[in-house]
Amino acid sequence: MIFVNLVGVAIIFLIVWWFWIYKPEDVSVEDNSLLITVASGTYTPSRIKIEKHKAVSLTFLRKDPSPCAETLLIPDLNINETLVLNKSVTIELPGLAEGTYAFHCQMKMYKGELNVS
């Protein structure tokens, strides 16, 4: 009985860590462009560091056939793009003010953020 309770607590801890504590590393944009892969329910990389007031190109390559992966939204920048399966879609971003800009699918199951500093 104690073993079952310990396993239950461990599973709860892993769920809390995965959904609320874990944060992937920031990846910096080099040469003003970056490829972001949409696969297995995630954007890779999902946390992107951009220099403020510097224009960049973000290229999204959708490999995930899920309908949720089809739409990319960046609400703070009024961007709504359709990602075609196995084709690259490039989004040109102007120089942005300092801040954090979330991007996600229409159901917010796929999530990422642009950290501008």
N, C-alpha and C. Protein backbone atom coordinates (compact mmCIF):
# COMPACT_ATOMS: atom_id res chain seq x y z
N MET A 1 0.82 -1.19 0.00
CA MET A 1 0.00 0.00 0.00
C MET A 1 0.87 1.26 0.00
N ILE A 2 1.94 1.26 0.79
CA ILE A 2 2.84 2.41 0.84
C ILE A 2 3.51 2.61 -0.52
N PHE A 3 3.90 1.51 -1.17
CA PHE A 3 4.53 1.60 -2.48
C PHE A 3 3.61 2.27 -3.50
N VAL A 4 2.34 1.89 -3.49
CA VAL A 4 1.36 2.48 -4.42
C VAL A 4 1.23 3.97 -4.16
N ASN A 5 1.20 4.38 -2.91
CA ASN A 5 1.11 5.81 -2.58
C ASN A 5 2.34 6.56 -3.02
N LEU A 6 3.52 5.98 -2.85
CA LEU A 6 4.76 6.63 -3.28
C LEU A 6 4.80 6.79 -4.80
N VAL A 7 4.36 5.78 -5.51
CA VAL A 7 4.31 5.86 -6.97
C VAL A 7 3.32 6.95 -7.39
N GLY A 8 2.18 7.04 -6.71
CA GLY A 8 1.20 8.08 -7.02
C GLY A 8 1.75 9.47 -6.79
N VAL A 9 2.47 9.67 -5.69
CA VAL A 9 3.08 10.97 -5.39
C VAL A 9 4.14 11.30 -6.44
N ALA A 10 4.93 10.32 -6.85
CA ALA A 10 5.96 10.53 -7.87
C ALA A 10 5.33 10.94 -9.20
N ILE A 11 4.24 10.30 -9.57
CA ILE A 11 3.56 10.66 -10.83
C ILE A 11 3.00 12.07 -10.75
N ILE A 12 2.42 12.43 -9.63
CA ILE A 12 1.90 13.79 -9.45
C ILE A 12 3.03 14.80 -9.57
N PHE A 13 4.16 14.52 -8.93
CA PHE A 13 5.32 15.42 -9.02
C PHE A 13 5.77 15.59 -10.46
N LEU A 14 5.86 14.49 -11.22
CA LEU A 14 6.29 14.57 -12.62
C LEU A 14 5.32 15.40 -13.46
N ILE A 15 4.03 15.25 -13.20
CA ILE A 15 3.04 16.04 -13.94
C ILE A 15 3.19 17.52 -13.63
N VAL A 16 3.34 17.86 -12.36
CA VAL A 16 3.51 19.26 -11.96
C VAL A 16 4.79 19.81 -12.58
N TRP A 17 5.87 19.05 -12.53
CA TRP A 17 7.15 19.51 -13.10
C TRP A 17 7.00 19.74 -14.60
N TRP A 18 6.42 18.83 -15.33
CA TRP A 18 6.32 18.93 -16.78
C TRP A 18 5.46 20.11 -17.22
N PHE A 19 4.31 20.30 -16.56
CA PHE A 19 3.38 21.33 -17.03
C PHE A 19 3.60 22.71 -16.43
N TRP A 20 4.18 22.82 -15.24
CA TRP A 20 4.28 24.13 -14.59
C TRP A 20 5.68 24.55 -14.20
N ILE A 21 6.60 23.65 -14.03
CA ILE A 21 7.93 24.02 -13.55
C ILE A 21 8.97 24.03 -14.68
N TYR A 22 8.96 23.02 -15.53
CA TYR A 22 9.97 22.86 -16.58
C TYR A 22 9.89 23.99 -17.60
N LYS A 23 11.03 24.60 -17.89
CA LYS A 23 11.13 25.62 -18.94
C LYS A 23 12.31 25.25 -19.83
N PRO A 24 12.09 25.04 -21.13
CA PRO A 24 13.22 24.74 -22.01
C PRO A 24 14.15 25.94 -22.13
N GLU A 25 15.37 25.68 -22.57
CA GLU A 25 16.37 26.75 -22.72
C GLU A 25 15.95 27.74 -23.80
N ASP A 26 16.38 28.99 -23.62
CA ASP A 26 16.21 30.00 -24.65
C ASP A 26 17.21 29.73 -25.77
N VAL A 27 16.77 29.89 -27.01
CA VAL A 27 17.64 29.78 -28.17
C VAL A 27 17.69 31.14 -28.82
N SER A 28 18.89 31.65 -29.03
CA SER A 28 19.06 32.97 -29.64
C SER A 28 18.98 32.88 -31.16
N VAL A 29 18.42 33.91 -31.76
CA VAL A 29 18.35 34.01 -33.22
C VAL A 29 19.73 34.44 -33.71
N GLU A 30 20.32 33.64 -34.59
CA GLU A 30 21.62 33.95 -35.17
C GLU A 30 21.40 34.30 -36.65
N ASP A 31 22.16 35.22 -37.17
CA ASP A 31 22.06 35.62 -38.58
C ASP A 31 20.65 36.07 -38.98
N ASN A 32 19.91 36.61 -38.05
CA ASN A 32 18.58 37.17 -38.28
C ASN A 32 17.54 36.15 -38.74
N SER A 33 17.81 34.84 -38.58
CA SER A 33 16.80 33.85 -38.96
C SER A 33 16.91 32.62 -38.07
N LEU A 34 15.80 31.89 -37.99
CA LEU A 34 15.75 30.69 -37.15
C LEU A 34 14.70 29.75 -37.70
N LEU A 35 15.02 28.44 -37.71
CA LEU A 35 14.06 27.42 -38.12
C LEU A 35 13.41 26.84 -36.87
N ILE A 36 12.08 26.81 -36.87
CA ILE A 36 11.30 26.25 -35.77
C ILE A 36 10.51 25.08 -36.33
N THR A 37 10.73 23.91 -35.75
CA THR A 37 10.04 22.70 -36.20
C THR A 37 8.80 22.48 -35.34
N VAL A 38 7.69 22.15 -36.00
CA VAL A 38 6.45 21.85 -35.32
C VAL A 38 6.23 20.34 -35.44
N ALA A 39 6.49 19.62 -34.34
CA ALA A 39 6.38 18.16 -34.37
C ALA A 39 6.13 17.63 -32.96
N SER A 40 5.44 16.52 -32.89
CA SER A 40 5.18 15.81 -31.63
C SER A 40 4.56 16.71 -30.55
N GLY A 41 3.71 17.61 -30.96
CA GLY A 41 3.00 18.45 -30.00
C GLY A 41 3.79 19.62 -29.46
N THR A 42 4.93 19.96 -30.08
CA THR A 42 5.73 21.07 -29.58
C THR A 42 6.33 21.90 -30.72
N TYR A 43 6.72 23.11 -30.37
CA TYR A 43 7.56 23.93 -31.23
C TYR A 43 8.99 23.71 -30.74
N THR A 44 9.93 23.46 -31.65
CA THR A 44 11.31 23.27 -31.26
C THR A 44 12.19 24.19 -32.10
N PRO A 45 12.83 25.17 -31.51
CA PRO A 45 12.79 25.57 -30.10
C PRO A 45 11.49 26.32 -29.79
N SER A 46 11.15 26.34 -28.51
CA SER A 46 9.90 27.01 -28.12
C SER A 46 10.13 28.32 -27.38
N ARG A 47 11.35 28.53 -26.89
CA ARG A 47 11.67 29.81 -26.23
C ARG A 47 12.80 30.45 -27.04
N ILE A 48 12.48 31.57 -27.67
CA ILE A 48 13.39 32.20 -28.62
C ILE A 48 13.78 33.58 -28.12
N LYS A 49 15.08 33.81 -28.07
CA LYS A 49 15.60 35.09 -27.61
C LYS A 49 15.96 35.95 -28.83
N ILE A 50 15.43 37.18 -28.86
CA ILE A 50 15.64 38.10 -29.98
C ILE A 50 16.13 39.43 -29.43
N GLU A 51 17.07 40.05 -30.15
CA GLU A 51 17.52 41.39 -29.75
C GLU A 51 16.41 42.39 -30.05
N LYS A 52 16.22 43.34 -29.12
CA LYS A 52 15.17 44.34 -29.35
C LYS A 52 15.52 45.22 -30.54
N HIS A 53 14.50 45.65 -31.24
CA HIS A 53 14.60 46.54 -32.41
C HIS A 53 15.40 45.93 -33.55
N LYS A 54 15.48 44.60 -33.62
CA LYS A 54 16.21 43.93 -34.70
C LYS A 54 15.23 43.05 -35.47
N ALA A 55 15.10 43.29 -36.78
CA ALA A 55 14.18 42.49 -37.60
C ALA A 55 14.73 41.08 -37.75
N VAL A 56 13.84 40.09 -37.68
CA VAL A 56 14.24 38.68 -37.80
C VAL A 56 13.23 37.93 -38.66
N SER A 57 13.68 36.79 -39.20
CA SER A 57 12.82 35.88 -39.96
C SER A 57 12.71 34.58 -39.18
N LEU A 58 11.48 34.16 -38.91
CA LEU A 58 11.24 32.88 -38.27
C LEU A 58 10.59 31.96 -39.29
N THR A 59 11.22 30.81 -39.53
CA THR A 59 10.70 29.84 -40.47
C THR A 59 10.13 28.66 -39.70
N PHE A 60 8.87 28.37 -39.93
CA PHE A 60 8.19 27.27 -39.26
C PHE A 60 8.05 26.11 -40.25
N LEU A 61 8.48 24.93 -39.84
CA LEU A 61 8.35 23.72 -40.64
C LEU A 61 7.44 22.76 -39.88
N ARG A 62 6.24 22.56 -40.40
CA ARG A 62 5.26 21.69 -39.73
C ARG A 62 5.43 20.25 -40.20
N LYS A 63 5.78 19.38 -39.25
CA LYS A 63 5.89 17.95 -39.53
C LYS A 63 4.79 17.15 -38.84
N ASP A 64 4.00 17.82 -38.03
CA ASP A 64 2.94 17.18 -37.25
C ASP A 64 1.62 17.27 -38.01
N PRO A 65 0.98 16.13 -38.34
CA PRO A 65 -0.27 16.17 -39.10
C PRO A 65 -1.50 16.59 -38.29
N SER A 66 -1.33 16.79 -37.00
CA SER A 66 -2.46 17.17 -36.15
C SER A 66 -3.08 18.48 -36.66
N PRO A 67 -4.42 18.55 -36.71
CA PRO A 67 -5.07 19.78 -37.15
C PRO A 67 -4.72 20.99 -36.28
N CYS A 68 -4.41 20.75 -35.02
CA CYS A 68 -4.07 21.86 -34.13
C CYS A 68 -2.76 22.53 -34.55
N ALA A 69 -1.87 21.77 -35.16
CA ALA A 69 -0.57 22.32 -35.57
C ALA A 69 -0.67 23.19 -36.82
N GLU A 70 -1.84 23.21 -37.43
CA GLU A 70 -2.01 23.92 -38.69
C GLU A 70 -2.00 25.44 -38.57
N THR A 71 -2.41 25.96 -37.43
CA THR A 71 -2.52 27.41 -37.26
C THR A 71 -1.48 27.92 -36.27
N LEU A 72 -0.82 28.99 -36.65
CA LEU A 72 0.14 29.67 -35.77
C LEU A 72 -0.43 31.05 -35.45
N LEU A 73 -0.50 31.36 -34.18
CA LEU A 73 -0.98 32.67 -33.75
C LEU A 73 0.08 33.36 -32.91
N ILE A 74 0.31 34.64 -33.19
CA ILE A 74 1.11 35.51 -32.32
C ILE A 74 0.20 36.70 -32.04
N PRO A 75 -0.65 36.57 -31.02
CA PRO A 75 -1.71 37.57 -30.80
C PRO A 75 -1.22 39.01 -30.63
N ASP A 76 -0.12 39.20 -29.89
CA ASP A 76 0.37 40.56 -29.64
C ASP A 76 0.85 41.26 -30.91
N LEU A 77 1.15 40.47 -31.95
CA LEU A 77 1.63 41.04 -33.21
C LEU A 77 0.59 40.91 -34.33
N ASN A 78 -0.62 40.47 -33.98
CA ASN A 78 -1.71 40.27 -34.94
C ASN A 78 -1.30 39.35 -36.09
N ILE A 79 -0.60 38.27 -35.77
CA ILE A 79 -0.16 37.31 -36.79
C ILE A 79 -1.01 36.05 -36.66
N ASN A 80 -1.54 35.62 -37.80
CA ASN A 80 -2.35 34.40 -37.89
C ASN A 80 -1.93 33.73 -39.19
N GLU A 81 -1.14 32.67 -39.10
CA GLU A 81 -0.61 32.00 -40.29
C GLU A 81 -1.06 30.55 -40.33
N THR A 82 -1.29 30.04 -41.52
CA THR A 82 -1.57 28.63 -41.72
C THR A 82 -0.27 27.93 -42.07
N LEU A 83 0.04 26.88 -41.31
CA LEU A 83 1.26 26.11 -41.55
C LEU A 83 0.90 24.87 -42.36
N VAL A 84 1.42 24.77 -43.57
CA VAL A 84 1.14 23.65 -44.44
C VAL A 84 2.06 22.49 -44.06
N LEU A 85 1.53 21.29 -44.04
CA LEU A 85 2.29 20.11 -43.66
C LEU A 85 3.50 19.91 -44.57
N ASN A 86 4.66 19.73 -43.96
CA ASN A 86 5.94 19.47 -44.64
C ASN A 86 6.39 20.59 -45.59
N LYS A 87 5.95 21.81 -45.33
CA LYS A 87 6.41 22.98 -46.10
C LYS A 87 6.79 24.07 -45.14
N SER A 88 7.81 24.82 -45.50
CA SER A 88 8.28 25.92 -44.66
C SER A 88 7.43 27.17 -44.88
N VAL A 89 7.14 27.84 -43.79
CA VAL A 89 6.43 29.12 -43.83
C VAL A 89 7.28 30.12 -43.06
N THR A 90 7.69 31.18 -43.72
CA THR A 90 8.56 32.18 -43.10
C THR A 90 7.75 33.40 -42.70
N ILE A 91 7.99 33.84 -41.48
CA ILE A 91 7.34 35.03 -40.95
C ILE A 91 8.42 36.07 -40.69
N GLU A 92 8.24 37.23 -41.29
CA GLU A 92 9.18 38.34 -41.10
C GLU A 92 8.68 39.20 -39.95
N LEU A 93 9.50 39.34 -38.93
CA LEU A 93 9.13 40.18 -37.79
C LEU A 93 9.94 41.46 -37.83
N PRO A 94 9.28 42.60 -37.65
CA PRO A 94 10.02 43.86 -37.59
C PRO A 94 10.77 43.93 -36.27
N GLY A 95 11.58 44.95 -36.08
CA GLY A 95 12.23 45.15 -34.80
C GLY A 95 11.16 45.32 -33.72
N LEU A 96 11.25 44.52 -32.68
CA LEU A 96 10.22 44.53 -31.63
C LEU A 96 10.72 45.24 -30.38
N ALA A 97 9.78 45.81 -29.66
CA ALA A 97 10.10 46.41 -28.36
C ALA A 97 10.37 45.30 -27.35
N GLU A 98 11.09 45.65 -26.30
CA GLU A 98 11.41 44.67 -25.26
C GLU A 98 10.14 44.09 -24.65
N GLY A 99 10.15 42.79 -24.42
CA GLY A 99 9.00 42.13 -23.81
C GLY A 99 8.94 40.67 -24.20
N THR A 100 7.87 40.02 -23.77
CA THR A 100 7.65 38.61 -24.08
C THR A 100 6.39 38.51 -24.94
N TYR A 101 6.52 37.82 -26.07
CA TYR A 101 5.43 37.65 -27.01
C TYR A 101 5.14 36.16 -27.15
N ALA A 102 3.95 35.74 -26.73
CA ALA A 102 3.58 34.34 -26.81
C ALA A 102 3.16 33.98 -28.23
N PHE A 103 3.48 32.74 -28.65
CA PHE A 103 2.93 32.20 -29.88
C PHE A 103 2.40 30.80 -29.59
N HIS A 104 1.35 30.42 -30.32
CA HIS A 104 0.69 29.15 -30.02
C HIS A 104 -0.25 28.77 -31.15
N CYS A 105 -0.79 27.55 -31.05
CA CYS A 105 -1.83 27.12 -31.99
C CYS A 105 -3.16 27.70 -31.52
N GLN A 106 -4.23 27.45 -32.26
CA GLN A 106 -5.52 28.05 -31.91
C GLN A 106 -6.09 27.52 -30.59
N MET A 107 -5.68 26.33 -30.16
CA MET A 107 -6.18 25.78 -28.90
C MET A 107 -5.18 25.93 -27.76
N LYS A 108 -4.04 26.56 -28.02
CA LYS A 108 -2.97 26.77 -27.05
C LYS A 108 -2.39 25.45 -26.52
N MET A 109 -2.42 24.42 -27.35
CA MET A 109 -1.80 23.16 -26.97
C MET A 109 -0.31 23.19 -27.33
N TYR A 110 0.03 23.80 -28.42
CA TYR A 110 1.41 24.03 -28.85
C TYR A 110 1.74 25.44 -28.38
N LYS A 111 2.80 25.62 -27.60
CA LYS A 111 3.10 26.93 -27.04
C LYS A 111 4.57 27.28 -27.21
N GLY A 112 4.82 28.58 -27.33
CA GLY A 112 6.18 29.07 -27.37
C GLY A 112 6.18 30.54 -27.00
N GLU A 113 7.37 31.10 -26.88
CA GLU A 113 7.44 32.54 -26.58
C GLU A 113 8.69 33.15 -27.18
N LEU A 114 8.52 34.40 -27.58
CA LEU A 114 9.63 35.22 -28.08
C LEU A 114 10.03 36.14 -26.94
N ASN A 115 11.26 36.04 -26.50
CA ASN A 115 11.77 36.90 -25.44
C ASN A 115 12.67 37.95 -26.06
N VAL A 116 12.18 39.18 -26.11
CA VAL A 116 12.89 40.28 -26.75
C VAL A 116 13.56 41.11 -25.67
N SER A 117 14.90 41.23 -25.78
CA SER A 117 15.64 42.03 -24.79
C SER A 117 16.86 42.67 -25.43
